[in-house]
């Protein structure tokens, strides 16, 4: 099995959310990063299909779970159940 893109030949850091179980970069994804303000719950500026599992959300590198940590409120926004802390980094990965 050939791994197409590994740490050995990476020219820049690879976001953790784009690594699969074999530590290969997942192709065909788009990552967007936003920094939270204190208590922020609504994040927009992303584009995805609601309900198809095509959106992954990470806060400070920790994967969030749809309906437990956040809700997909439209095809361009999500709403977190609890407000985030100032400076939290939110990564949106559209598959």
Protein backbone atom coordinates (compact mmCIF):
# COMPACT_ATOMS: atom_id res chain seq x y z
CA UNK A 1 0.00 0.00 0.00
CA UNK A 2 1.36 3.39 -0.95
CA UNK A 3 0.67 6.38 1.26
CA UNK A 4 0.43 9.40 -1.06
CA UNK A 5 1.36 12.11 1.43
CA UNK A 6 3.16 11.53 4.70
CA UNK A 7 4.97 13.56 7.32
CA UNK A 8 8.25 12.71 5.62
CA UNK A 9 7.46 14.71 2.50
CA UNK A 10 5.16 17.35 4.01
CA UNK A 11 6.26 20.85 3.06
CA UNK A 12 4.04 22.50 5.70
CA UNK A 13 2.11 21.46 8.81
CA UNK A 14 -0.85 19.18 8.16
CA UNK A 15 -4.00 19.98 10.21
CA UNK A 16 -4.80 17.03 12.49
CA UNK A 17 -8.32 16.92 11.11
CA UNK A 18 -6.95 16.06 7.67
CA UNK A 19 -5.11 12.95 8.78
CA UNK A 20 -6.65 9.52 8.47
CA UNK A 21 -5.76 6.43 10.49
CA UNK A 22 -2.68 5.85 8.32
CA UNK A 23 -1.48 9.42 8.87
CA UNK A 24 -2.03 10.29 5.24
CA UNK A 25 -3.57 13.61 4.26
CA UNK A 26 -7.21 13.23 3.25
CA UNK A 27 -7.67 14.67 -0.23
CA UNK A 28 -10.66 16.62 -1.45
CA UNK A 29 -11.27 18.50 1.78
CA UNK A 30 -11.47 22.19 2.52
CA UNK A 31 -10.51 23.55 5.94
CA UNK A 32 -11.61 26.91 7.30
CA UNK A 33 -10.41 28.34 10.60
CA UNK A 34 -12.11 30.90 12.82
CA UNK A 35 -11.15 32.32 16.21
CA UNK A 36 -13.90 32.53 18.81
CA UNK A 37 -14.87 35.51 20.88
CA UNK A 38 -15.92 34.99 24.51
CA UNK A 39 -19.23 33.11 24.65
CA UNK A 40 -19.59 32.88 20.86
CA UNK A 41 -21.99 30.15 19.75
CA UNK A 42 -22.84 30.95 16.11
CA UNK A 43 -20.23 30.53 13.39
CA UNK A 44 -20.89 31.26 9.74
CA UNK A 45 -18.94 31.69 6.53
CA UNK A 46 -18.74 28.01 5.69
CA UNK A 47 -20.58 26.17 2.92
CA UNK A 48 -21.65 22.54 3.28
CA UNK A 49 -24.65 20.24 2.84
CA UNK A 50 -26.66 19.93 6.05
CA UNK A 51 -27.17 16.41 7.39
CA UNK A 52 -24.95 14.39 5.08
CA UNK A 53 -21.96 14.00 7.40
CA UNK A 54 -19.84 16.17 5.13
CA UNK A 55 -18.83 18.64 7.84
CA UNK A 56 -16.30 17.96 10.57
CA UNK A 57 -15.87 20.50 13.36
CA UNK A 58 -12.87 20.77 15.69
CA UNK A 59 -12.27 23.15 18.61
CA UNK A 60 -8.61 23.51 19.52
CA UNK A 61 -7.98 20.22 17.71
CA UNK A 62 -10.73 18.28 19.54
CA UNK A 63 -13.41 16.79 17.29
CA UNK A 64 -16.91 18.03 18.07
CA UNK A 65 -20.05 15.91 17.69
CA UNK A 66 -23.09 17.11 15.78
CA UNK A 67 -26.16 17.47 18.06
CA UNK A 68 -24.02 16.93 21.19
CA UNK A 69 -21.59 19.88 20.87
CA UNK A 70 -23.13 21.82 17.98
CA UNK A 71 -26.07 21.86 15.58
CA UNK A 72 -26.03 22.35 11.83
CA UNK A 73 -28.36 25.36 11.59
CA UNK A 74 -28.06 26.09 7.87
CA UNK A 75 -25.82 25.29 4.92
CA UNK A 76 -23.62 28.24 5.90
CA UNK A 77 -23.57 28.18 9.72
CA UNK A 78 -23.48 26.07 12.87
CA UNK A 79 -24.51 26.84 16.45
CA UNK A 80 -22.58 25.46 19.41
CA UNK A 81 -24.56 24.20 22.40
CA UNK A 82 -22.24 26.02 24.81
CA UNK A 83 -20.39 29.29 24.26
CA UNK A 84 -16.71 29.01 23.41
CA UNK A 85 -13.83 30.78 25.11
CA UNK A 86 -12.04 33.77 23.68
CA UNK A 87 -9.22 32.60 21.43
CA UNK A 88 -10.57 29.10 20.82
CA UNK A 89 -9.65 27.99 17.31
CA UNK A 90 -12.52 26.40 15.40
CA UNK A 91 -11.69 24.34 12.33
CA UNK A 92 -14.38 23.44 9.82
CA UNK A 93 -13.54 20.63 7.41
CA UNK A 94 -15.87 20.21 4.45
CA UNK A 95 -15.50 16.78 2.91
